Amino acid sequence: MHIHIQEEAPRSPRETAQYGPDSGSRWFGLWDGYFAISYLVTVMLLFTSDEDQVHRAFAVGALTLIVPWYAGLGRRHMILRKKSRRNTVFSAGLFLLFASSSTLDPGGSFALFAVVPMLMMSLPMPSAIVLVVLANLWPVIVVWLRGGQFDPHILSVLPISLLGIALSVLLGLWITRVVQQSTDRAVLIDELRLSREREARLSHQAGISAERERLAREIHDTLAQSLTSIISLVQAAESEVVAHPERARSRLGLAGRVAQDSLAEARNFVSALTPPALRESSLVRAVHRQADLLMEETGLTVRCTARGEEQPLPMAVSVVLLRSAQEAFANVRKHARDARRVEVLVAYAPDAVRLVVRDDGAGFDTDADLADAQDGERNGFGLRGMRARVEEIGGMAEVSSSPGAGTVIEVTVPLGPAAQESDDE
């Protein structure tokens, strides 16, 4: 047995404005007060009229019945501005109660000040105007019917009734316009609120994605590369533990230092702090240390040089260049087959700093997908992640290689506003 629960579809901004508590109820409280005052004034006029007590009592009773009729049936639909069959029933009943009260006592015609706006708010405009005209003419008709014959004095009252009709229609149109403006304003407010919520949600999701990307790059550039180095050192030590125990111990000691550095990196990138390699040294020293580590691990000849006048760099620039050097060295370990020499250059200029890593390994075809050059992992964070890092601070990363001609990775970062802004963040 399957039970299907149908969820309520989300409302549009206009539906929210119509059904929400802030769109109509707030201003409708003023109308309720106006309606109550009109009712009380009309009742007071009825009590001071010259009609007999029976007619007066029934007139007050008919007028009083309008209150629950309005509260129970008409008010909600007037707030929501829903033109339905119930509105027609409410308007017909309202007119009959008003006609009964004004027929029993002409003083009840003062209730037109409340009846006319309710008719205008409940019915479509053509029907409302017809009923409003009839309601304004009704007291004149009652006076005529009570006299039994046409009284010429009625003609003197007719202009006042016509003026009342015109004022009633204008008042009804004004109230209808006010209600429409209130609804439209509520729609705009709800659309703005929804837009802000959507913007906040998208910003939150973008922040999560950016943080995931950052952690992925940091893990690739630190932990993954360090674990690869440790595995290589341990495997090399295992193969030499019998024949060359001293060399095996040296490799194990180096693996321990790499593990310690990796632990420090892991603790710091989680908190987005300065990498340990840059905390107490310059970029050139940090790159030189990574180059020495590459030389100890692989036995390659690695030469690290600096050109230009060394200057303090924004931390964002230093971190990007250090991570780029680490990525370049990782590619040398994994892909530079038959390599014998690696050249590393850090060049300073007044408006930019440049990092160049060149090896004389087997090289690869740069026209092929770079992701395929990274262990065949299309979702890797190697050269693609390096380029993303560099572009975030307005720099440029280039990879030049061809089969049999080695590989050159060159990263250029400007020392302009983009780098400063990234450093502030």
Protein backbone atom coordinates (compact mmCIF):
# COMPACT_ATOMS: atom_id res chain seq x y z
CA MET A 1 0.00 0.00 0.00
CA HIS A 2 1.50 3.30 -1.09
CA ILE A 3 0.50 6.58 0.45
CA HIS A 4 1.17 9.64 -1.63
CA ILE A 5 1.40 12.96 0.15
CA GLN A 6 1.13 15.89 -2.17
CA GLU A 7 3.25 18.79 -1.05
CA GLU A 8 1.86 22.25 -1.35
CA ALA A 9 3.37 24.08 -4.28
CA PRO A 10 5.28 27.22 -3.37
CA ARG A 11 3.30 30.36 -3.84
CA SER A 12 4.24 33.05 -6.28
CA PRO A 13 5.06 36.52 -4.92
CA ARG A 14 1.58 37.77 -5.87
CA GLU A 15 -0.10 34.84 -4.09
CA THR A 16 2.12 35.44 -1.08
CA ALA A 17 1.18 39.08 -1.10
CA GLN A 18 -2.50 38.25 -1.27
CA TYR A 19 -2.49 35.53 1.36
CA GLY A 20 0.25 36.87 3.60
CA PRO A 21 -0.67 38.67 6.79
CA ASP A 22 1.26 41.81 5.91
CA SER A 23 -0.35 42.59 2.58
CA GLY A 24 -3.97 43.36 3.47
CA SER A 25 -4.62 42.96 7.17
CA ARG A 26 -2.41 45.86 8.14
CA TRP A 27 -4.19 48.57 6.17
CA PHE A 28 -7.58 46.83 6.51
CA GLY A 29 -7.57 47.60 10.21
CA LEU A 30 -8.16 51.25 9.28
CA TRP A 31 -11.13 50.22 7.18
CA ASP A 32 -12.54 48.22 10.10
CA GLY A 33 -12.37 51.34 12.23
CA TYR A 34 -14.10 53.40 9.56
CA PHE A 35 -16.83 50.75 9.24
CA ALA A 36 -17.39 50.70 13.02
CA ILE A 37 -17.68 54.50 13.17
CA SER A 38 -20.16 54.53 10.26
CA TYR A 39 -22.25 51.86 11.99
CA LEU A 40 -22.32 53.69 15.32
CA VAL A 41 -23.20 57.05 13.74
CA THR A 42 -26.02 55.45 11.73
CA VAL A 43 -27.40 53.72 14.85
CA MET A 44 -27.34 57.03 16.72
CA LEU A 45 -29.26 58.71 13.89
CA LEU A 46 -31.83 55.92 13.95
CA PHE A 47 -32.37 56.34 17.70
CA THR A 48 -33.00 60.06 17.23
CA SER A 49 -35.39 59.67 14.29
CA ASP A 50 -39.14 60.37 14.39
CA GLU A 51 -40.17 56.86 13.31
CA ASP A 52 -42.17 54.67 15.69
CA GLN A 53 -40.25 52.39 18.01
CA VAL A 54 -41.09 49.18 16.13
CA HIS A 55 -39.78 50.44 12.80
CA ARG A 56 -36.78 51.93 14.55
CA ALA A 57 -35.97 48.65 16.33
CA PHE A 58 -36.21 46.58 13.16
CA ALA A 59 -34.11 49.15 11.27
CA VAL A 60 -31.40 48.94 13.94
CA GLY A 61 -31.64 45.12 13.86
CA ALA A 62 -31.21 44.99 10.06
CA LEU A 63 -28.29 47.39 10.31
CA THR A 64 -26.71 45.38 13.11
CA LEU A 65 -26.93 42.16 11.07
CA ILE A 66 -24.56 43.78 8.56
CA VAL A 67 -21.76 43.53 11.15
CA PRO A 68 -21.61 39.68 11.43
CA TRP A 69 -22.45 39.41 7.71
CA TYR A 70 -19.38 41.49 6.92
CA ALA A 71 -17.12 39.87 9.53
CA GLY A 72 -18.07 36.28 8.70
CA LEU A 73 -18.39 36.35 4.92
CA GLY A 74 -17.20 39.53 3.27
CA ARG A 75 -14.09 40.69 5.08
CA ARG A 76 -11.72 37.86 4.13
CA HIS A 77 -12.61 38.00 0.44
CA MET A 78 -12.35 41.78 0.45
CA ILE A 79 -8.81 41.52 1.86
CA LEU A 80 -7.79 38.86 -0.68
CA ARG A 81 -9.61 40.67 -3.49
CA LYS A 82 -11.03 37.36 -4.69
CA LYS A 83 -13.99 37.82 -7.02
CA SER A 84 -16.06 34.72 -6.41
CA ARG A 85 -19.63 33.55 -5.99
CA ARG A 86 -19.41 34.24 -2.27
CA ASN A 87 -18.74 37.90 -3.03
CA THR A 88 -21.94 38.05 -5.04
CA VAL A 89 -23.88 36.45 -2.17
CA PHE A 90 -22.27 38.85 0.31
CA SER A 91 -23.05 41.90 -1.84
CA ALA A 92 -26.66 40.82 -2.38
CA GLY A 93 -27.18 40.21 1.33
CA LEU A 94 -25.48 43.52 2.19
CA PHE A 95 -27.75 45.41 -0.18
CA LEU A 96 -30.88 43.68 1.18
CA LEU A 97 -29.97 44.46 4.81
CA PHE A 98 -29.23 48.09 3.92
CA ALA A 99 -32.46 48.37 1.89
CA SER A 100 -34.43 46.87 4.79
CA SER A 101 -32.94 49.28 7.30
CA SER A 102 -33.44 52.38 5.14
CA THR A 103 -36.97 51.27 4.22
CA LEU A 104 -37.97 50.91 7.87
CA ASP A 105 -36.29 54.19 8.79
CA PRO A 106 -34.84 56.69 6.27
CA GLY A 107 -32.11 57.46 8.78
CA GLY A 108 -30.54 54.10 7.85
CA SER A 109 -29.51 55.58 4.51
CA PHE A 110 -26.50 57.10 6.32
CA ALA A 111 -25.01 53.59 6.17
CA LEU A 112 -24.25 54.27 2.48
CA PHE A 113 -20.90 55.66 3.63
CA ALA A 114 -19.90 52.11 4.62
CA VAL A 115 -22.04 50.07 2.21
CA VAL A 116 -20.80 51.68 -1.01
CA PRO A 117 -17.04 50.99 -0.43
CA MET A 118 -17.82 47.38 0.51
CA LEU A 119 -19.77 46.90 -2.71
CA MET A 120 -16.92 48.42 -4.73
CA MET A 121 -14.35 46.14 -3.07
CA SER A 122 -16.45 42.99 -3.40
CA LEU A 123 -17.76 43.08 -6.97
CA PRO A 124 -16.30 43.63 -10.43
CA MET A 125 -16.45 47.30 -11.35
CA PRO A 126 -19.49 47.23 -13.74
CA SER A 127 -21.66 45.23 -11.32
CA ALA A 128 -20.48 47.34 -8.38
CA ILE A 129 -21.44 50.62 -10.10
CA VAL A 130 -24.92 49.31 -10.93
CA LEU A 131 -25.54 48.23 -7.35
CA VAL A 132 -24.07 51.46 -5.95
CA VAL A 133 -26.40 53.56 -8.13
CA LEU A 134 -29.36 51.48 -6.97
CA ALA A 135 -28.29 51.82 -3.32
CA ASN A 136 -28.06 55.62 -3.63
CA LEU A 137 -31.44 55.86 -5.35
CA TRP A 138 -33.11 53.54 -2.85
CA PRO A 139 -33.87 56.20 -0.17
CA VAL A 140 -35.50 58.37 -2.86
CA ILE A 141 -37.56 55.42 -4.05
CA VAL A 142 -38.61 54.66 -0.44
CA VAL A 143 -39.77 58.23 0.09
CA TRP A 144 -41.75 58.08 -3.16
CA LEU A 145 -43.37 54.74 -2.27
CA ARG A 146 -44.28 55.91 1.22
CA GLY A 147 -46.10 58.97 -0.17
CA GLY A 148 -48.27 56.83 -2.43
CA GLN A 149 -47.92 59.23 -5.31
CA PHE A 150 -45.18 61.17 -7.00
CA ASP A 151 -44.20 64.20 -4.96
CA PRO A 152 -42.61 67.09 -6.90
CA HIS A 153 -40.36 67.73 -3.89
CA ILE A 154 -38.57 64.48 -4.73
CA LEU A 155 -37.07 66.25 -7.74
CA SER A 156 -35.32 68.65 -5.38
CA VAL A 157 -33.77 65.70 -3.52
CA LEU A 158 -32.73 63.89 -6.70
CA PRO A 159 -29.68 66.11 -7.44
CA ILE A 160 -28.37 65.36 -3.95
CA SER A 161 -28.79 61.64 -4.65
CA LEU A 162 -27.00 61.98 -7.97
CA LEU A 163 -24.17 63.84 -6.26
CA GLY A 164 -24.07 61.06 -3.70
CA ILE A 165 -23.82 58.50 -6.49
CA ALA A 166 -20.91 60.35 -8.09
CA LEU A 167 -19.10 60.72 -4.78
CA SER A 168 -19.78 57.09 -3.92
CA VAL A 169 -18.37 55.86 -7.23
CA LEU A 170 -15.29 58.09 -6.88
CA LEU A 171 -14.78 56.94 -3.30
CA GLY A 172 -15.14 53.32 -4.35
CA LEU A 173 -12.70 53.75 -7.21
CA TRP A 174 -10.22 55.43 -4.88
CA ILE A 175 -10.49 52.66 -2.30
CA THR A 176 -10.10 50.02 -5.02
CA ARG A 177 -7.01 51.79 -6.29
CA VAL A 178 -5.56 51.97 -2.78
CA VAL A 179 -6.14 48.24 -2.32
CA GLN A 180 -4.49 47.47 -5.67
CA GLN A 181 -1.48 49.63 -4.83
CA SER A 182 -1.19 47.91 -1.47
CA THR A 183 -1.24 44.50 -3.15
CA ASP A 184 1.32 45.56 -5.76
CA ARG A 185 3.56 46.99 -3.07
CA ALA A 186 3.32 43.75 -1.12
CA VAL A 187 4.25 41.83 -4.28
CA LEU A 188 7.35 43.97 -4.75
CA ILE A 189 8.33 43.54 -1.11
CA ASP A 190 7.93 39.75 -1.33
CA GLU A 191 9.88 39.62 -4.60
CA LEU A 192 12.67 41.61 -2.97
CA ARG A 193 12.65 39.31 0.04
CA LEU A 194 12.75 36.21 -2.14
CA SER A 195 15.52 37.73 -4.24
CA ARG A 196 17.58 38.43 -1.13
CA GLU A 197 17.02 34.93 0.19
CA ARG A 198 18.00 33.46 -3.17
CA GLU A 199 21.11 35.66 -3.30
CA ALA A 200 22.08 34.65 0.23
CA ARG A 201 21.56 30.97 -0.63
CA LEU A 202 23.64 31.25 -3.82
CA SER A 203 26.38 33.13 -1.97
CA HIS A 204 26.41 30.41 0.68
CA GLN A 205 26.66 27.70 -1.96
CA ALA A 206 29.38 29.60 -3.80
CA GLY A 207 31.31 29.96 -0.56
CA ILE A 208 31.03 26.24 0.09
CA SER A 209 32.21 25.43 -3.44
CA ALA A 210 35.12 27.87 -3.18
CA GLU A 211 36.17 26.40 0.15
CA ARG A 212 35.97 22.87 -1.24
CA GLU A 213 38.09 23.93 -4.20
CA ARG A 214 40.62 25.55 -1.88
CA LEU A 215 40.87 22.48 0.33
CA ALA A 216 41.15 20.21 -2.71
CA ARG A 217 44.03 22.27 -4.10
CA GLU A 218 45.75 22.48 -0.73
CA ILE A 219 45.45 18.73 -0.19
CA HIS A 220 46.82 18.05 -3.66
CA ASP A 221 49.69 20.52 -3.31
CA THR A 222 50.69 19.45 0.19
CA LEU A 223 49.42 16.17 1.58
CA ALA A 224 49.10 14.24 -1.68
CA GLN A 225 52.55 15.25 -2.92
CA SER A 226 54.14 14.65 0.48
CA LEU A 227 52.53 11.22 0.77
CA THR A 228 53.85 10.39 -2.70
CA SER A 229 57.35 11.42 -1.62
CA ILE A 230 57.10 9.45 1.62
CA ILE A 231 55.96 6.32 -0.21
CA SER A 232 58.83 6.66 -2.69
CA LEU A 233 61.39 7.15 0.10
CA VAL A 234 60.07 4.23 2.13
CA GLN A 235 60.10 1.94 -0.90
CA ALA A 236 63.64 3.00 -1.70
CA ALA A 237 64.70 2.40 1.91
CA GLU A 238 63.15 -1.10 1.86
CA SER A 239 65.18 -2.01 -1.22
CA GLU A 240 68.42 -0.76 0.39
CA VAL A 241 67.95 -1.83 4.02
CA VAL A 242 70.14 -4.92 3.54
CA ALA A 243 72.74 -3.81 1.01
CA HIS A 244 73.05 -0.16 2.08
CA PRO A 245 71.67 0.26 5.60
CA GLU A 246 73.14 3.76 6.05
CA ARG A 247 71.49 4.97 2.87
CA ALA A 248 68.22 3.35 3.96
CA ARG A 249 68.37 5.15 7.32
CA SER A 250 69.03 8.42 5.52
CA ARG A 251 65.99 7.94 3.34
CA LEU A 252 63.82 7.03 6.32
CA GLY A 253 65.03 10.16 8.12
CA LEU A 254 64.14 12.23 5.09
CA ALA A 255 60.70 10.58 4.98
CA GLY A 256 60.22 11.55 8.63
CA ARG A 257 61.08 15.20 7.89
CA VAL A 258 58.65 15.22 4.97
CA ALA A 259 55.95 13.75 7.21
CA GLN A 260 56.55 16.45 9.85
CA ASP A 261 56.35 19.19 7.24
CA SER A 262 53.13 17.66 5.88
CA LEU A 263 51.59 17.58 9.34
CA ALA A 264 52.41 21.27 9.83
CA GLU A 265 50.95 22.09 6.40
CA ALA A 266 47.76 20.17 7.19
CA ARG A 267 47.26 22.04 10.45
CA ASN A 268 47.73 25.39 8.78
CA PHE A 269 45.78 25.13 5.54
CA VAL A 270 42.70 24.00 7.47
CA SER A 271 42.87 27.34 9.27
CA ALA A 272 43.89 29.19 6.07
CA LEU A 273 47.09 30.41 7.77
CA THR A 274 50.48 31.18 6.32
CA PRO A 275 52.33 28.03 5.13
CA PRO A 276 55.11 27.05 7.54
CA ALA A 277 57.70 27.33 4.74
CA LEU A 278 56.87 31.06 4.39
CA ARG A 279 56.34 31.91 8.03
CA GLU A 280 59.98 32.61 8.90
CA SER A 281 61.63 32.80 5.48
CA SER A 282 61.32 34.51 2.11
CA LEU A 283 59.92 33.05 -1.08
CA VAL A 284 63.40 32.34 -2.47
CA ARG A 285 64.43 30.41 0.64
CA ALA A 286 61.18 28.43 0.66
CA VAL A 287 61.58 27.49 -3.01
CA HIS A 288 65.26 26.65 -2.40
CA ARG A 289 64.25 24.32 0.44
CA GLN A 290 61.75 22.54 -1.81
CA ALA A 291 64.42 22.23 -4.49
CA ASP A 292 66.85 20.67 -1.99
CA LEU A 293 64.16 18.20 -0.98
CA LEU A 294 63.62 17.27 -4.64
CA MET A 295 67.35 16.73 -5.07
CA GLU A 296 67.56 14.51 -1.98
CA GLU A 297 64.57 12.41 -3.07
CA THR A 298 65.42 11.92 -6.73
CA GLY A 299 69.19 12.40 -6.94
CA LEU A 300 68.73 14.96 -9.73
CA THR A 301 70.92 18.03 -10.05
CA VAL A 302 68.73 20.92 -9.00
CA ARG A 303 69.96 24.50 -9.22
CA CYS A 304 67.91 27.31 -7.71
CA THR A 305 68.80 30.91 -8.52
CA ALA A 306 67.29 34.35 -7.92
CA ARG A 307 67.45 37.34 -10.25
CA GLY A 308 66.72 40.96 -9.51
CA GLU A 309 66.42 42.72 -6.20
CA GLU A 310 64.51 40.58 -3.74
CA GLN A 311 61.57 42.43 -2.22
CA PRO A 312 58.77 41.66 0.25
CA LEU A 313 55.78 40.14 -1.52
CA PRO A 314 52.10 40.05 -0.59
CA MET A 315 51.40 36.78 1.18
CA ALA A 316 48.89 35.75 -1.53
CA VAL A 317 51.62 36.07 -4.19
CA SER A 318 54.16 34.16 -2.11
CA VAL A 319 51.72 31.32 -1.41
CA VAL A 320 50.74 30.98 -5.08
CA LEU A 321 54.35 30.94 -6.28
CA LEU A 322 55.39 28.42 -3.61
CA ARG A 323 52.46 26.12 -4.48
CA SER A 324 53.33 26.48 -8.18
CA ALA A 325 56.91 25.45 -7.45
CA GLN A 326 55.68 22.45 -5.46
CA GLU A 327 53.39 21.42 -8.33
CA ALA A 328 56.21 21.79 -10.85
CA PHE A 329 58.52 19.63 -8.67
CA ALA A 330 55.73 17.04 -8.30
CA ASN A 331 55.46 16.83 -12.09
CA VAL A 332 59.23 16.36 -12.30
CA ARG A 333 59.01 13.44 -9.85
CA LYS A 334 56.13 11.78 -11.73
CA HIS A 335 56.70 12.58 -15.39
CA ALA A 336 60.23 13.79 -16.06
CA ARG A 337 61.62 10.41 -17.12
CA ASP A 338 65.34 10.33 -17.94
CA ALA A 339 65.77 13.80 -16.47
CA ARG A 340 69.17 14.72 -15.09
CA ARG A 341 68.95 18.41 -14.36
CA VAL A 342 66.34 20.86 -13.08
CA GLU A 343 66.73 24.66 -13.25
CA VAL A 344 64.68 26.88 -10.94
CA LEU A 345 64.57 30.66 -11.34
CA VAL A 346 62.84 33.30 -9.21
CA ALA A 347 63.04 36.66 -11.01
CA TYR A 348 61.98 39.94 -9.39
CA ALA A 349 60.89 42.99 -11.35
CA PRO A 350 59.40 46.30 -10.11
CA ASP A 351 55.89 45.33 -11.19
CA ALA A 352 55.95 41.52 -11.30
CA VAL A 353 57.64 38.38 -10.04
CA ARG A 354 58.34 35.33 -12.20
CA LEU A 355 58.95 31.66 -11.37
CA VAL A 356 60.47 29.34 -13.97
CA VAL A 357 61.04 25.59 -13.49
CA ARG A 358 62.82 23.80 -16.35
CA ASP A 359 63.75 20.13 -16.61
CA ASP A 360 65.48 18.09 -19.32
CA GLY A 361 63.16 15.08 -19.03
CA ALA A 362 61.12 13.25 -21.63
CA GLY A 363 58.53 16.02 -21.94
CA PHE A 364 55.00 15.56 -23.29
CA ASP A 365 52.62 16.84 -25.94
CA THR A 366 51.05 20.08 -24.67
CA ASP A 367 48.30 19.84 -27.30
CA ALA A 368 46.92 16.80 -25.45
CA ASP A 369 44.64 17.27 -22.47
CA LEU A 370 46.74 18.40 -19.53
CA ALA A 371 44.66 16.29 -17.23
CA ASP A 372 45.79 13.22 -19.13
CA ALA A 373 49.35 14.23 -18.38
CA GLN A 374 48.61 13.97 -14.69
CA ASP A 375 48.28 10.24 -14.11
CA GLY A 376 45.37 10.17 -16.52
CA GLU A 377 43.09 11.77 -13.92
CA ARG A 378 40.70 14.12 -15.66
CA ASN A 379 39.52 15.42 -12.29
CA GLY A 380 43.04 16.08 -10.98
CA PHE A 381 44.09 19.33 -9.35
CA GLY A 382 47.62 19.49 -10.79
CA LEU A 383 48.39 21.95 -13.56
CA ARG A 384 44.72 22.93 -13.76
CA GLY A 385 44.69 23.81 -10.06
CA MET A 386 47.98 25.69 -10.43
CA ARG A 387 46.56 27.80 -13.25
CA ALA A 388 43.41 28.49 -11.23
CA ARG A 389 45.49 29.70 -8.30
CA VAL A 390 47.55 32.01 -10.49
CA GLU A 391 44.54 33.44 -12.32
CA GLU A 392 42.81 34.24 -9.02
CA ILE A 393 45.47 36.90 -8.31
CA GLY A 394 45.65 38.17 -11.90
CA GLY A 395 48.70 36.16 -12.94
CA MET A 396 49.45 33.85 -15.84
CA ALA A 397 50.83 30.29 -15.97
CA GLU A 398 52.35 28.75 -19.11
CA VAL A 399 53.51 25.19 -19.74
CA SER A 400 55.89 24.57 -22.64
CA SER A 401 56.90 21.03 -23.53
CA SER A 402 57.36 18.63 -26.37
CA PRO A 403 58.35 14.95 -26.50
CA GLY A 404 62.07 14.57 -25.89
CA ALA A 405 62.68 18.29 -25.21
CA GLY A 406 61.87 18.60 -21.51
CA THR A 407 59.30 20.81 -19.84
CA VAL A 408 59.21 24.47 -18.82
CA ILE A 409 56.64 25.80 -16.35
CA GLU A 410 56.58 29.58 -16.10
CA VAL A 411 54.40 31.55 -13.69
CA THR A 412 54.20 35.36 -13.81
CA VAL A 413 52.32 37.29 -11.14
CA PRO A 414 51.85 41.09 -11.25
CA LEU A 415 52.45 43.10 -8.12
CA GLY A 416 49.41 45.30 -8.68
CA PRO A 417 45.99 45.87 -7.10
CA ALA A 418 44.72 42.35 -7.86
CA ALA A 419 47.47 40.75 -5.80
CA GLN A 420 46.96 43.26 -2.99
CA GLU A 421 43.19 42.57 -2.89
CA SER A 422 43.79 38.81 -2.76
CA ASP A 423 46.22 39.33 0.08
CA ASP A 424 43.67 41.42 2.02
CA GLU A 425 41.08 38.68 1.68
